[in-house]
Amino acid sequence: MWRMMPFEQLDAWRSSHRLALAVYELTEAWPVSERYGLTAQVRRAALSVPANIAEGVAKRGTRELRRYLDISLGSFSELSYLLLFARDRGLPASGALESLRSQTGRQLWGLYRSISTR
């Protein structure tokens, strides 16, 4: 059984929180013409990852937590594609952001696997 703990103690949450902050910072340099399109979508996807981890931890039991982690993984995958699309469109990118994205993905999958085996 999953032992409830503050979401802030989870490495996957910490990493995804830093990733969301980095995405917001990066997208400030994107063209104003993308504000309501790609910028908004990237920001929503980035924010959804840590928000769903936090919400899932507050639910009762591992089944609900797994469901929210699954949503978080979906948002993470969406974010990964959107960042690739932005890069291919020539929008400013960041190597540090890519490293953080990769780290977050590993930690998120690790948490999901850990919960799924319980």
PDB file of N, CA and C in Angstrom:
ATOM      1  N   MET A   1       0.849  -1.190   0.000  1.00  0.00           N
ATOM      2  CA  MET A   1       0.000   0.000   0.000  1.00  0.00           C
ATOM      3  C   MET A   1       0.885   1.240   0.000  1.00  0.00           C
ATOM      4  N   TRP A   2       0.525   2.190  -0.806  1.00  0.00           N
ATOM      5  CA  TRP A   2       1.258   3.458  -0.913  1.00  0.00           C
ATOM      6  C   TRP A   2       1.076   4.245   0.374  1.00  0.00           C
ATOM      7  N   ARG A   3       2.175   4.694   0.930  1.00  0.00           N
ATOM      8  CA  ARG A   3       2.131   5.521   2.130  1.00  0.00           C
ATOM      9  C   ARG A   3       2.058   6.982   1.708  1.00  0.00           C
ATOM     10  N   MET A   4       1.014   7.642   2.143  1.00  0.00           N
ATOM     11  CA  MET A   4       0.806   9.049   1.789  1.00  0.00           C
ATOM     12  C   MET A   4       1.969   9.883   2.299  1.00  0.00           C
ATOM     13  N   MET A   5       2.493  10.722   1.457  1.00  0.00           N
ATOM     14  CA  MET A   5       3.568  11.628   1.837  1.00  0.00           C
ATOM     15  C   MET A   5       3.348  12.950   1.115  1.00  0.00           C
ATOM     16  N   PRO A   6       3.913  14.004   1.619  1.00  0.00           N
ATOM     17  CA  PRO A   6       3.776  15.286   0.912  1.00  0.00           C
ATOM     18  C   PRO A   6       4.379  15.179  -0.498  1.00  0.00           C
ATOM     19  N   PHE A   7       3.655  15.665  -1.474  1.00  0.00           N
ATOM     20  CA  PHE A   7       4.131  15.572  -2.857  1.00  0.00           C
ATOM     21  C   PHE A   7       5.475  16.246  -3.046  1.00  0.00           C
ATOM     22  N   GLU A   8       5.750  17.275  -2.231  1.00  0.00           N
ATOM     23  CA  GLU A   8       7.023  18.000  -2.364  1.00  0.00           C
ATOM     24  C   GLU A   8       8.232  17.125  -2.067  1.00  0.00           C
ATOM     25  N   GLN A   9       8.027  15.986  -1.427  1.00  0.00           N
ATOM     26  CA  GLN A   9       9.133  15.087  -1.108  1.00  0.00           C
ATOM     27  C   GLN A   9       9.469  14.127  -2.250  1.00  0.00           C
ATOM     28  N   LEU A  10       8.635  14.077  -3.268  1.00  0.00           N
ATOM     29  CA  LEU A  10       8.860  13.163  -4.392  1.00  0.00           C
ATOM     30  C   LEU A  10       9.822  13.782  -5.408  1.00  0.00           C
ATOM     31  N   ASP A  11      10.859  13.035  -5.742  1.00  0.00           N
ATOM     32  CA  ASP A  11      11.828  13.518  -6.733  1.00  0.00           C
ATOM     33  C   ASP A  11      11.154  13.833  -8.068  1.00  0.00           C
ATOM     34  N   ALA A  12      10.199  13.001  -8.463  1.00  0.00           N
ATOM     35  CA  ALA A  12       9.506  13.229  -9.741  1.00  0.00           C
ATOM     36  C   ALA A  12       8.744  14.550  -9.708  1.00  0.00           C
ATOM     37  N   TRP A  13       8.141  14.874  -8.569  1.00  0.00           N
ATOM     38  CA  TRP A  13       7.430  16.145  -8.474  1.00  0.00           C
ATOM     39  C   TRP A  13       8.424  17.313  -8.523  1.00  0.00           C
ATOM     40  N   ARG A  14       9.504  17.209  -7.751  1.00  0.00           N
ATOM     41  CA  ARG A  14      10.507  18.291  -7.730  1.00  0.00           C
ATOM     42  C   ARG A  14      11.038  18.567  -9.123  1.00  0.00           C
ATOM     43  N   SER A  15      11.374  17.494  -9.814  1.00  0.00           N
ATOM     44  CA  SER A  15      11.916  17.626 -11.169  1.00  0.00           C
ATOM     45  C   SER A  15      10.888  18.247 -12.114  1.00  0.00           C
ATOM     46  N   SER A  16       9.660  17.769 -12.041  1.00  0.00           N
ATOM     47  CA  SER A  16       8.633  18.288 -12.946  1.00  0.00           C
ATOM     48  C   SER A  16       8.278  19.737 -12.607  1.00  0.00           C
ATOM     49  N   HIS A  17       8.378  20.097 -11.351  1.00  0.00           N
ATOM     50  CA  HIS A  17       8.158  21.495 -10.947  1.00  0.00           C
ATOM     51  C   HIS A  17       9.251  22.390 -11.548  1.00  0.00           C
ATOM     52  N   ARG A  18      10.507  21.956 -11.433  1.00  0.00           N
ATOM     53  CA  ARG A  18      11.606  22.727 -12.039  1.00  0.00           C
ATOM     54  C   ARG A  18      11.436  22.822 -13.555  1.00  0.00           C
ATOM     55  N   LEU A  19      10.978  21.722 -14.165  1.00  0.00           N
ATOM     56  CA  LEU A  19      10.747  21.714 -15.611  1.00  0.00           C
ATOM     57  C   LEU A  19       9.668  22.728 -15.985  1.00  0.00           C
ATOM     58  N   ALA A  20       8.580  22.766 -15.235  1.00  0.00           N
ATOM     59  CA  ALA A  20       7.506  23.727 -15.520  1.00  0.00           C
ATOM     60  C   ALA A  20       8.016  25.159 -15.400  1.00  0.00           C
ATOM     61  N   LEU A  21       8.794  25.432 -14.366  1.00  0.00           N
ATOM     62  CA  LEU A  21       9.370  26.769 -14.206  1.00  0.00           C
ATOM     63  C   LEU A  21      10.284  27.116 -15.386  1.00  0.00           C
ATOM     64  N   ALA A  22      11.100  26.153 -15.811  1.00  0.00           N
ATOM     65  CA  ALA A  22      12.017  26.377 -16.938  1.00  0.00           C
ATOM     66  C   ALA A  22      11.246  26.603 -18.234  1.00  0.00           C
ATOM     67  N   VAL A  23      10.143  25.883 -18.414  1.00  0.00           N
ATOM     68  CA  VAL A  23       9.322  26.060 -19.615  1.00  0.00           C
ATOM     69  C   VAL A  23       8.731  27.466 -19.636  1.00  0.00           C
ATOM     70  N   TYR A  24       8.235  27.916 -18.503  1.00  0.00           N
ATOM     71  CA  TYR A  24       7.684  29.276 -18.444  1.00  0.00           C
ATOM     72  C   TYR A  24       8.758  30.307 -18.787  1.00  0.00           C
ATOM     73  N   GLU A  25       9.947  30.110 -18.257  1.00  0.00           N
ATOM     74  CA  GLU A  25      11.040  31.052 -18.543  1.00  0.00           C
ATOM     75  C   GLU A  25      11.408  31.020 -20.023  1.00  0.00           C
ATOM     76  N   LEU A  26      11.553  29.826 -20.583  1.00  0.00           N
ATOM     77  CA  LEU A  26      11.917  29.691 -21.993  1.00  0.00           C
ATOM     78  C   LEU A  26      10.880  30.346 -22.898  1.00  0.00           C
ATOM     79  N   THR A  27       9.601  30.096 -22.621  1.00  0.00           N
ATOM     80  CA  THR A  27       8.556  30.581 -23.520  1.00  0.00           C
ATOM     81  C   THR A  27       8.366  32.093 -23.462  1.00  0.00           C
ATOM     82  N   GLU A  28       8.949  32.733 -22.463  1.00  0.00           N
ATOM     83  CA  GLU A  28       8.906  34.206 -22.435  1.00  0.00           C
ATOM     84  C   GLU A  28       9.641  34.797 -23.631  1.00  0.00           C
ATOM     85  N   ALA A  29      10.600  34.052 -24.179  1.00  0.00           N
ATOM     86  CA  ALA A  29      11.385  34.526 -25.322  1.00  0.00           C
ATOM     87  C   ALA A  29      10.724  34.183 -26.663  1.00  0.00           C
ATOM     88  N   TRP A  30       9.617  33.456 -26.634  1.00  0.00           N
ATOM     89  CA  TRP A  30       8.943  33.079 -27.876  1.00  0.00           C
ATOM     90  C   TRP A  30       8.139  34.259 -28.414  1.00  0.00           C
ATOM     91  N   PRO A  31       7.857  34.258 -29.703  1.00  0.00           N
ATOM     92  CA  PRO A  31       7.140  35.378 -30.316  1.00  0.00           C
ATOM     93  C   PRO A  31       5.753  35.601 -29.696  1.00  0.00           C
ATOM     94  N   VAL A  32       5.366  36.857 -29.630  1.00  0.00           N
ATOM     95  CA  VAL A  32       4.044  37.216 -29.109  1.00  0.00           C
ATOM     96  C   VAL A  32       2.951  36.549 -29.941  1.00  0.00           C
ATOM     97  N   SER A  33       3.213  36.332 -31.217  1.00  0.00           N
ATOM     98  CA  SER A  33       2.216  35.705 -32.093  1.00  0.00           C
ATOM     99  C   SER A  33       1.874  34.275 -31.660  1.00  0.00           C
ATOM    100  N   GLU A  34       2.722  33.665 -30.845  1.00  0.00           N
ATOM    101  CA  GLU A  34       2.478  32.302 -30.355  1.00  0.00           C
ATOM    102  C   GLU A  34       1.822  32.285 -28.972  1.00  0.00           C
ATOM    103  N   ARG A  35       1.581  33.450 -28.398  1.00  0.00           N
ATOM    104  CA  ARG A  35       1.086  33.542 -27.016  1.00  0.00           C
ATOM    105  C   ARG A  35      -0.148  32.678 -26.767  1.00  0.00           C
ATOM    106  N   TYR A  36      -1.123  32.717 -27.667  1.00  0.00           N
ATOM    107  CA  TYR A  36      -2.374  31.990 -27.449  1.00  0.00           C
ATOM    108  C   TYR A  36      -2.396  30.645 -28.162  1.00  0.00           C
ATOM    109  N   GLY A  37      -1.308  30.311 -28.795  1.00  0.00           N
ATOM    110  CA  GLY A  37      -1.209  29.036 -29.491  1.00  0.00           C
ATOM    111  C   GLY A  37      -0.222  28.122 -28.800  1.00  0.00           C
ATOM    112  N   LEU A  38       0.931  28.015 -29.416  1.00  0.00           N
ATOM    113  CA  LEU A  38       1.935  27.080 -28.936  1.00  0.00           C
ATOM    114  C   LEU A  38       2.416  27.393 -27.518  1.00  0.00           C
ATOM    115  N   THR A  39       2.645  28.657 -27.213  1.00  0.00           N
ATOM    116  CA  THR A  39       3.121  29.018 -25.873  1.00  0.00           C
ATOM    117  C   THR A  39       2.137  28.566 -24.807  1.00  0.00           C
ATOM    118  N   ALA A  40       0.867  28.849 -25.010  1.00  0.00           N
ATOM    119  CA  ALA A  40      -0.151  28.468 -24.028  1.00  0.00           C
ATOM    120  C   ALA A  40      -0.239  26.950 -23.887  1.00  0.00           C
ATOM    121  N   GLN A  41      -0.168  26.237 -25.002  1.00  0.00           N
ATOM    122  CA  GLN A  41      -0.276  24.770 -24.964  1.00  0.00           C
ATOM    123  C   GLN A  41       0.927  24.145 -24.263  1.00  0.00           C
ATOM    124  N   VAL A  42       2.116  24.649 -24.547  1.00  0.00           N
ATOM    125  CA  VAL A  42       3.329  24.137 -23.903  1.00  0.00           C
ATOM    126  C   VAL A  42       3.273  24.386 -22.401  1.00  0.00           C
ATOM    127  N   ARG A  43       2.851  25.560 -22.029  1.00  0.00           N
ATOM    128  CA  ARG A  43       2.770  25.894 -20.603  1.00  0.00           C
ATOM    129  C   ARG A  43       1.734  25.027 -19.884  1.00  0.00           C
ATOM    130  N   ARG A  44       0.587  24.815 -20.507  1.00  0.00           N
ATOM    131  CA  ARG A  44      -0.442  23.963 -19.888  1.00  0.00           C
ATOM    132  C   ARG A  44       0.073  22.544 -19.688  1.00  0.00           C
ATOM    133  N   ALA A  45       0.731  22.003 -20.704  1.00  0.00           N
ATOM    134  CA  ALA A  45       1.261  20.636 -20.599  1.00  0.00           C
ATOM    135  C   ALA A  45       2.320  20.558 -19.503  1.00  0.00           C
ATOM    136  N   ALA A  46       3.207  21.548 -19.450  1.00  0.00           N
ATOM    137  CA  ALA A  46       4.275  21.548 -18.441  1.00  0.00           C
ATOM    138  C   ALA A  46       3.705  21.639 -17.040  1.00  0.00           C
ATOM    139  N   LEU A  47       2.718  22.471 -16.849  1.00  0.00           N
ATOM    140  CA  LEU A  47       2.117  22.653 -15.529  1.00  0.00           C
ATOM    141  C   LEU A  47       1.287  21.447 -15.105  1.00  0.00           C
ATOM    142  N   SER A  48       0.738  20.743 -16.061  1.00  0.00           N
ATOM    143  CA  SER A  48      -0.090  19.582 -15.779  1.00  0.00           C
ATOM    144  C   SER A  48       0.710  18.441 -15.144  1.00  0.00           C
ATOM    145  N   VAL A  49       1.970  18.324 -15.476  1.00  0.00           N
ATOM    146  CA  VAL A  49       2.780  17.209 -14.953  1.00  0.00           C
ATOM    147  C   VAL A  49       2.889  17.275 -13.430  1.00  0.00           C
ATOM    148  N   PRO A  50       3.445  18.329 -12.839  1.00  0.00           N
ATOM    149  CA  PRO A  50       3.534  18.351 -11.370  1.00  0.00           C
ATOM    150  C   PRO A  50       2.172  18.490 -10.691  1.00  0.00           C
ATOM    151  N   ALA A  51       1.227  19.169 -11.346  1.00  0.00           N
ATOM    152  CA  ALA A  51      -0.095  19.345 -10.738  1.00  0.00           C
ATOM    153  C   ALA A  51      -0.802  18.001 -10.571  1.00  0.00           C
ATOM    154  N   ASN A  52      -0.680  17.116 -11.555  1.00  0.00           N
ATOM    155  CA  ASN A  52      -1.323  15.807 -11.454  1.00  0.00           C
ATOM    156  C   ASN A  52      -0.612  14.895 -10.461  1.00  0.00           C
ATOM    157  N   ILE A  53       0.686  15.043 -10.326  1.00  0.00           N
ATOM    158  CA  ILE A  53       1.391  14.285  -9.280  1.00  0.00           C
ATOM    159  C   ILE A  53       0.865  14.722  -7.918  1.00  0.00           C
ATOM    160  N   ALA A  54       0.789  16.033  -7.714  1.00  0.00           N
ATOM    161  CA  ALA A  54       0.318  16.562  -6.431  1.00  0.00           C
ATOM    162  C   ALA A  54      -1.106  16.104  -6.141  1.00  0.00           C
ATOM    163  N   GLU A  55      -1.965  16.159  -7.142  1.00  0.00           N
ATOM    164  CA  GLU A  55      -3.352  15.748  -6.931  1.00  0.00           C
ATOM    165  C   GLU A  55      -3.450  14.246  -6.669  1.00  0.00           C
ATOM    166  N   GLY A  56      -2.682  13.469  -7.396  1.00  0.00           N
ATOM    167  CA  GLY A  56      -2.712  12.013  -7.221  1.00  0.00           C
ATOM    168  C   GLY A  56      -2.262  11.567  -5.846  1.00  0.00           C
ATOM    169  N   VAL A  57      -1.258  12.229  -5.306  1.00  0.00           N
ATOM    170  CA  VAL A  57      -0.754  11.881  -3.971  1.00  0.00           C
ATOM    171  C   VAL A  57      -1.830  12.130  -2.916  1.00  0.00           C
ATOM    172  N   ALA A  58      -2.694  13.096  -3.154  1.00  0.00           N
ATOM    173  CA  ALA A  58      -3.737  13.434  -2.186  1.00  0.00           C
ATOM    174  C   ALA A  58      -4.922  12.466  -2.244  1.00  0.00           C
ATOM    175  N   LYS A  59      -4.985  11.631  -3.271  1.00  0.00           N
ATOM    176  CA  LYS A  59      -6.096  10.688  -3.404  1.00  0.00           C
ATOM    177  C   LYS A  59      -5.881   9.476  -2.505  1.00  0.00           C
ATOM    178  N   ARG A  60      -6.927   8.722  -2.342  1.00  0.00           N
ATOM    179  CA  ARG A  60      -6.865   7.536  -1.473  1.00  0.00           C
ATOM    180  C   ARG A  60      -6.420   6.323  -2.273  1.00  0.00           C
ATOM    181  N   GLY A  61      -5.295   5.771  -1.889  1.00  0.00           N
ATOM    182  CA  GLY A  61      -4.855   4.504  -2.455  1.00  0.00           C
ATOM    183  C   GLY A  61      -4.042   4.605  -3.728  1.00  0.00           C
ATOM    184  N   THR A  62      -3.395   3.505  -4.023  1.00  0.00           N
ATOM    185  CA  THR A  62      -2.485   3.447  -5.168  1.00  0.00           C
ATOM    186  C   THR A  62      -3.213   3.467  -6.508  1.00  0.00           C
ATOM    187  N   ARG A  63      -4.426   2.931  -6.540  1.00  0.00           N
ATOM    188  CA  ARG A  63      -5.165   2.911  -7.811  1.00  0.00           C
ATOM    189  C   ARG A  63      -5.400   4.334  -8.325  1.00  0.00           C
ATOM    190  N   GLU A  64      -5.871   5.205  -7.447  1.00  0.00           N
ATOM    191  CA  GLU A  64      -6.107   6.598  -7.835  1.00  0.00           C
ATOM    192  C   GLU A  64      -4.791   7.310  -8.155  1.00  0.00           C
ATOM    193  N   LEU A  65      -3.765   7.053  -7.361  1.00  0.00           N
ATOM    194  CA  LEU A  65      -2.465   7.662  -7.630  1.00  0.00           C
ATOM    195  C   LEU A  65      -1.954   7.251  -9.000  1.00  0.00           C
ATOM    196  N   ARG A  66      -2.068   5.964  -9.325  1.00  0.00           N
ATOM    197  CA  ARG A  66      -1.641   5.482 -10.649  1.00  0.00           C
ATOM    198  C   ARG A  66      -2.393   6.210 -11.761  1.00  0.00           C
ATOM    199  N   ARG A  67      -3.685   6.430 -11.568  1.00  0.00           N
ATOM    200  CA  ARG A  67      -4.493   7.117 -12.575  1.00  0.00           C
ATOM    201  C   ARG A  67      -3.961   8.540 -12.813  1.00  0.00           C
ATOM    202  N   TYR A  68      -3.644   9.244 -11.749  1.00  0.00           N
ATOM    203  CA  TYR A  68      -3.120  10.610 -11.891  1.00  0.00           C
ATOM    204  C   TYR A  68      -1.698  10.611 -12.447  1.00  0.00           C
ATOM    205  N   LEU A  69      -0.912   9.619 -12.090  1.00  0.00           N
ATOM    206  CA  LEU A  69       0.429   9.510 -12.676  1.00  0.00           C
ATOM    207  C   LEU A  69       0.331   9.221 -14.171  1.00  0.00           C
ATOM    208  N   ASP A  70      -0.669   8.434 -14.553  1.00  0.00           N
ATOM    209  CA  ASP A  70      -0.895   8.147 -15.965  1.00  0.00           C
ATOM    210  C   ASP A  70      -1.223   9.439 -16.725  1.00  0.00           C
ATOM    211  N   ILE A  71      -2.050  10.278 -16.134  1.00  0.00           N
ATOM    212  CA  ILE A  71      -2.375  11.576 -16.738  1.00  0.00           C
ATOM    213  C   ILE A  71      -1.116  12.434 -16.822  1.00  0.00           C
ATOM    214  N   SER A  72      -0.327  12.420 -15.761  1.00  0.00           N
ATOM    215  CA  SER A  72       0.916  13.180 -15.728  1.00  0.00           C
ATOM    216  C   SER A  72       1.871  12.719 -16.830  1.00  0.00           C
ATOM    217  N   LEU A  73       1.957  11.417 -17.022  1.00  0.00           N
ATOM    218  CA  LEU A  73       2.808  10.870 -18.087  1.00  0.00           C
ATOM    219  C   LEU A  73       2.304  11.297 -19.465  1.00  0.00           C
ATOM    220  N   GLY A  74       0.991  11.341 -19.638  1.00  0.00           N
ATOM    221  CA  GLY A  74       0.433  11.809 -20.901  1.00  0.00           C
ATOM    222  C   GLY A  74       0.792  13.262 -21.168  1.00  0.00           C
ATOM    223  N   SER A  75       0.681  14.084 -20.135  1.00  0.00           N
ATOM    224  CA  SER A  75       1.052  15.503 -20.276  1.00  0.00           C
ATOM    225  C   SER A  75       2.534  15.652 -20.548  1.00  0.00           C
ATOM    226  N   PHE A  76       3.341  14.819 -19.911  1.00  0.00           N
ATOM    227  CA  PHE A  76       4.783  14.853 -20.141  1.00  0.00           C
ATOM    228  C   PHE A  76       5.105  14.514 -21.596  1.00  0.00           C
ATOM    229  N   SER A  77       4.428  13.510 -22.122  1.00  0.00           N
ATOM    230  CA  SER A  77       4.644  13.123 -23.511  1.00  0.00           C
ATOM    231  C   SER A  77       4.206  14.238 -24.455  1.00  0.00           C
ATOM    232  N   GLU A  78       3.073  14.861 -24.156  1.00  0.00           N
ATOM    233  CA  GLU A  78       2.605  15.997 -24.949  1.00  0.00           C
ATOM    234  C   GLU A  78       3.635  17.125 -24.925  1.00  0.00           C
ATOM    235  N   LEU A  79       4.131  17.443 -23.755  1.00  0.00           N
ATOM    236  CA  LEU A  79       5.144  18.491 -23.616  1.00  0.00           C
ATOM    237  C   LEU A  79       6.386  18.154 -24.431  1.00  0.00           C
ATOM    238  N   SER A  80       6.823  16.914 -24.366  1.00  0.00           N
ATOM    239  CA  SER A  80       8.016  16.497 -25.116  1.00  0.00           C
ATOM    240  C   SER A  80       7.828  16.742 -26.610  1.00  0.00           C
ATOM    241  N   TYR A  81       6.660  16.367 -27.126  1.00  0.00           N
ATOM    242  CA  TYR A  81       6.410  16.600 -28.548  1.00  0.00           C
ATOM    243  C   TYR A  81       6.348  18.099 -28.865  1.00  0.00           C
ATOM    244  N   LEU A  82       5.652  18.857 -28.045  1.00  0.00           N
ATOM    245  CA  LEU A  82       5.512  20.287 -28.315  1.00  0.00           C
ATOM    246  C   LEU A  82       6.864  20.997 -28.316  1.00  0.00           C
ATOM    247  N   LEU A  83       7.761  20.594 -27.423  1.00  0.00           N
ATOM    248  CA  LEU A  83       9.102  21.183 -27.407  1.00  0.00           C
ATOM    249  C   LEU A  83       9.879  20.806 -28.664  1.00  0.00           C
ATOM    250  N   LEU A  84       9.700  19.582 -29.140  1.00  0.00           N
ATOM    251  CA  LEU A  84      10.323  19.150 -30.391  1.00  0.00           C
ATOM    252  C   LEU A  84       9.776  19.964 -31.560  1.00  0.00           C
ATOM    253  N   PHE A  85       8.468  20.138 -31.590  1.00  0.00           N
ATOM    254  CA  PHE A  85       7.829  20.928 -32.636  1.00  0.00           C
ATOM    255  C   PHE A  85       8.350  22.366 -32.626  1.00  0.00           C
ATOM    256  N   ALA A  86       8.426  22.945 -31.430  1.00  0.00           N
ATOM    257  CA  ALA A  86       8.912  24.326 -31.300  1.00  0.00           C
ATOM    258  C   ALA A  86      10.348  24.446 -31.804  1.00  0.00           C
ATOM    259  N   ARG A  87      11.163  23.480 -31.433  1.00  0.00           N
ATOM    260  CA  ARG A  87      12.557  23.495 -31.891  1.00  0.00           C
ATOM    261  C   ARG A  87      12.628  23.418 -33.408  1.00  0.00           C
ATOM    262  N   ASP A  88      11.832  22.515 -33.999  1.00  0.00           N
ATOM    263  CA  ASP A  88      11.831  22.359 -35.451  1.00  0.00           C
ATOM    264  C   ASP A  88      11.261  23.578 -36.164  1.00  0.00           C
ATOM    265  N   ARG A  89      10.460  24.371 -35.483  1.00  0.00           N
ATOM    266  CA  ARG A  89       9.940  25.623 -36.039  1.00  0.00           C
ATOM    267  C   ARG A  89      10.934  26.770 -35.865  1.00  0.00           C
ATOM    268  N   GLY A  90      12.045  26.490 -35.179  1.00  0.00           N
ATOM    269  CA  GLY A  90      13.071  27.508 -35.018  1.00  0.00           C
ATOM    270  C   GLY A  90      12.884  28.419 -33.821  1.00  0.00           C
ATOM    271  N   LEU A  91      12.007  28.053 -32.918  1.00  0.00           N
ATOM    272  CA  LEU A  91      11.820  28.868 -31.718  1.00  0.00           C
ATOM    273  C   LEU A  91      12.978  28.629 -30.758  1.00  0.00           C
ATOM    274  N   PRO A  92      13.295  29.621 -29.935  1.00  0.00           N
ATOM    275  CA  PRO A  92      14.404  29.453 -28.991  1.00  0.00           C
ATOM    276  C   PRO A  92      14.233  28.195 -28.137  1.00  0.00           C
ATOM    277  N   ALA A  93      15.341  27.464 -27.984  1.00  0.00           N
ATOM    278  CA  ALA A  93      15.349  26.223 -27.209  1.00  0.00           C
ATOM    279  C   ALA A  93      16.447  26.313 -26.157  1.00  0.00           C
ATOM    280  N   SER A  94      16.526  25.302 -25.322  1.00  0.00           N
ATOM    281  CA  SER A  94      17.519  25.291 -24.255  1.00  0.00           C
ATOM    282  C   SER A  94      18.021  23.875 -24.025  1.00  0.00           C
ATOM    283  N   GLY A  95      19.337  23.712 -24.075  1.00  0.00           N
ATOM    284  CA  GLY A  95      19.932  22.411 -23.781  1.00  0.00           C
ATOM    285  C   GLY A  95      19.696  22.006 -22.342  1.00  0.00           C
ATOM    286  N   ALA A  96      19.725  22.969 -21.439  1.00  0.00           N
ATOM    287  CA  ALA A  96      19.480  22.679 -20.019  1.00  0.00           C
ATOM    288  C   ALA A  96      18.056  22.183 -19.827  1.00  0.00           C
ATOM    289  N   LEU A  97      17.113  22.742 -20.580  1.00  0.00           N
ATOM    290  CA  LEU A  97      15.725  22.300 -20.485  1.00  0.00           C
ATOM    291  C   LEU A  97      15.596  20.859 -20.960  1.00  0.00           C
ATOM    292  N   GLU A  98      16.297  20.515 -22.019  1.00  0.00           N
ATOM    293  CA  GLU A  98      16.246  19.139 -22.535  1.00  0.00           C
ATOM    294  C   GLU A  98      16.797  18.156 -21.509  1.00  0.00           C
ATOM    295  N   SER A  99      17.854  18.521 -20.838  1.00  0.00           N
ATOM    296  CA  SER A  99      18.417  17.671 -19.793  1.00  0.00           C
ATOM    297  C   SER A  99      17.427  17.487 -18.640  1.00  0.00           C
ATOM    298  N   LEU A 100      16.788  18.561 -18.245  1.00  0.00           N
ATOM    299  CA  LEU A 100      15.798  18.507 -17.176  1.00  0.00           C
ATOM    300  C   LEU A 100      14.581  17.691 -17.605  1.00  0.00           C
ATOM    301  N   ARG A 101      14.179  17.825 -18.868  1.00  0.00           N
ATOM    302  CA  ARG A 101      13.063  17.046 -19.400  1.00  0.00           C
ATOM    303  C   ARG A 101      13.367  15.552 -19.341  1.00  0.00           C
ATOM    304  N   SER A 102      14.574  15.205 -19.728  1.00  0.00           N
ATOM    305  CA  SER A 102      14.989  13.808 -19.707  1.00  0.00           C
ATOM    306  C   SER A 102      15.012  13.247 -18.278  1.00  0.00           C
ATOM    307  N   GLN A 103      15.566  14.011 -17.364  1.00  0.00           N
ATOM    308  CA  GLN A 103      15.619  13.604 -15.954  1.00  0.00           C
ATOM    309  C   GLN A 103      14.205  13.426 -15.392  1.00  0.00           C
ATOM    310  N   THR A 104      13.337  14.364 -15.692  1.00  0.00           N
ATOM    311  CA  THR A 104      11.957  14.297 -15.216  1.00  0.00           C
ATOM    312  C   THR A 104      11.267  13.050 -15.749  1.00  0.00           C
ATOM    313  N   GLY A 105      11.471  12.759 -17.011  1.00  0.00           N
ATOM    314  CA  GLY A 105      10.865  11.563 -17.605  1.00  0.00           C
ATOM    315  C   GLY A 105      11.303  10.300 -16.908  1.00  0.00           C
ATOM    316  N   ARG A 106      12.584  10.175 -16.632  1.00  0.00           N
ATOM    317  CA  ARG A 106      13.092   8.988 -15.929  1.00  0.00           C
ATOM    318  C   ARG A 106      12.474   8.866 -14.540  1.00  0.00           C
ATOM    319  N   GLN A 107      12.420   9.976 -13.827  1.00  0.00           N
ATOM    320  CA  GLN A 107      11.881   9.936 -12.466  1.00  0.00           C
ATOM    321  C   GLN A 107      10.384   9.666 -12.461  1.00  0.00           C
ATOM    322  N   LEU A 108       9.678  10.231 -13.393  1.00  0.00           N
ATOM    323  CA  LEU A 108       8.237  10.022 -13.479  1.00  0.00           C
ATOM    324  C   LEU A 108       7.917   8.561 -13.800  1.00  0.00           C
ATOM    325  N   TRP A 109       8.628   8.003 -14.776  1.00  0.00           N
ATOM    326  CA  TRP A 109       8.426   6.587 -15.102  1.00  0.00           C
ATOM    327  C   TRP A 109       8.813   5.697 -13.924  1.00  0.00           C
ATOM    328  N   GLY A 110       9.879   6.056 -13.234  1.00  0.00           N
ATOM    329  CA  GLY A 110      10.295   5.281 -12.067  1.00  0.00           C
ATOM    330  C   GLY A 110       9.236   5.278 -10.978  1.00  0.00           C
ATOM    331  N   LEU A 111       8.644   6.428 -10.723  1.00  0.00           N
ATOM    332  CA  LEU A 111       7.584   6.513  -9.723  1.00  0.00           C
ATOM    333  C   LEU A 111       6.375   5.697 -10.169  1.00  0.00           C
ATOM    334  N   TYR A 112       6.016   5.805 -11.425  1.00  0.00           N
ATOM    335  CA  TYR A 112       4.870   5.055 -11.949  1.00  0.00           C
ATOM    336  C   TYR A 112       5.098   3.550 -11.804  1.00  0.00           C
ATOM    337  N   ARG A 113       6.278   3.088 -12.181  1.00  0.00           N
ATOM    338  CA  ARG A 113       6.592   1.653 -12.048  1.00  0.00           C
ATOM    339  C   ARG A 113       6.568   1.220 -10.601  1.00  0.00           C
ATOM    340  N   SER A 114       7.113   2.054  -9.737  1.00  0.00           N
ATOM    341  CA  SER A 114       7.147   1.733  -8.312  1.00  0.00           C
ATOM    342  C   SER A 114       5.732   1.579  -7.761  1.00  0.00           C
ATOM    343  N   ILE A 115       4.852   2.463  -8.137  1.00  0.00           N
ATOM    344  CA  ILE A 115       3.461   2.417  -7.663  1.00  0.00           C
ATOM    345  C   ILE A 115       2.741   1.228  -8.288  1.00  0.00           C
ATOM    346  N   SER A 116       3.033   0.934  -9.546  1.00  0.00           N
ATOM    347  CA  SER A 116       2.332  -0.139 -10.266  1.00  0.00           C
ATOM    348  C   SER A 116       2.658  -1.521  -9.725  1.00  0.00           C
ATOM    349  N   THR A 117       3.781  -1.675  -9.088  1.00  0.00           N
ATOM    350  CA  THR A 117       4.160  -2.988  -8.558  1.00  0.00           C
ATOM    351  C   THR A 117       3.611  -3.231  -7.158  1.00  0.00           C
ATOM    352  N   ARG A 118       2.928  -2.271  -6.615  1.00  0.00           N
ATOM    353  CA  ARG A 118       2.358  -2.416  -5.257  1.00  0.00           C
ATOM    354  C   ARG A 118       0.989  -3.032  -5.315  1.00  0.00           C
TER     355      ARG A 118
END
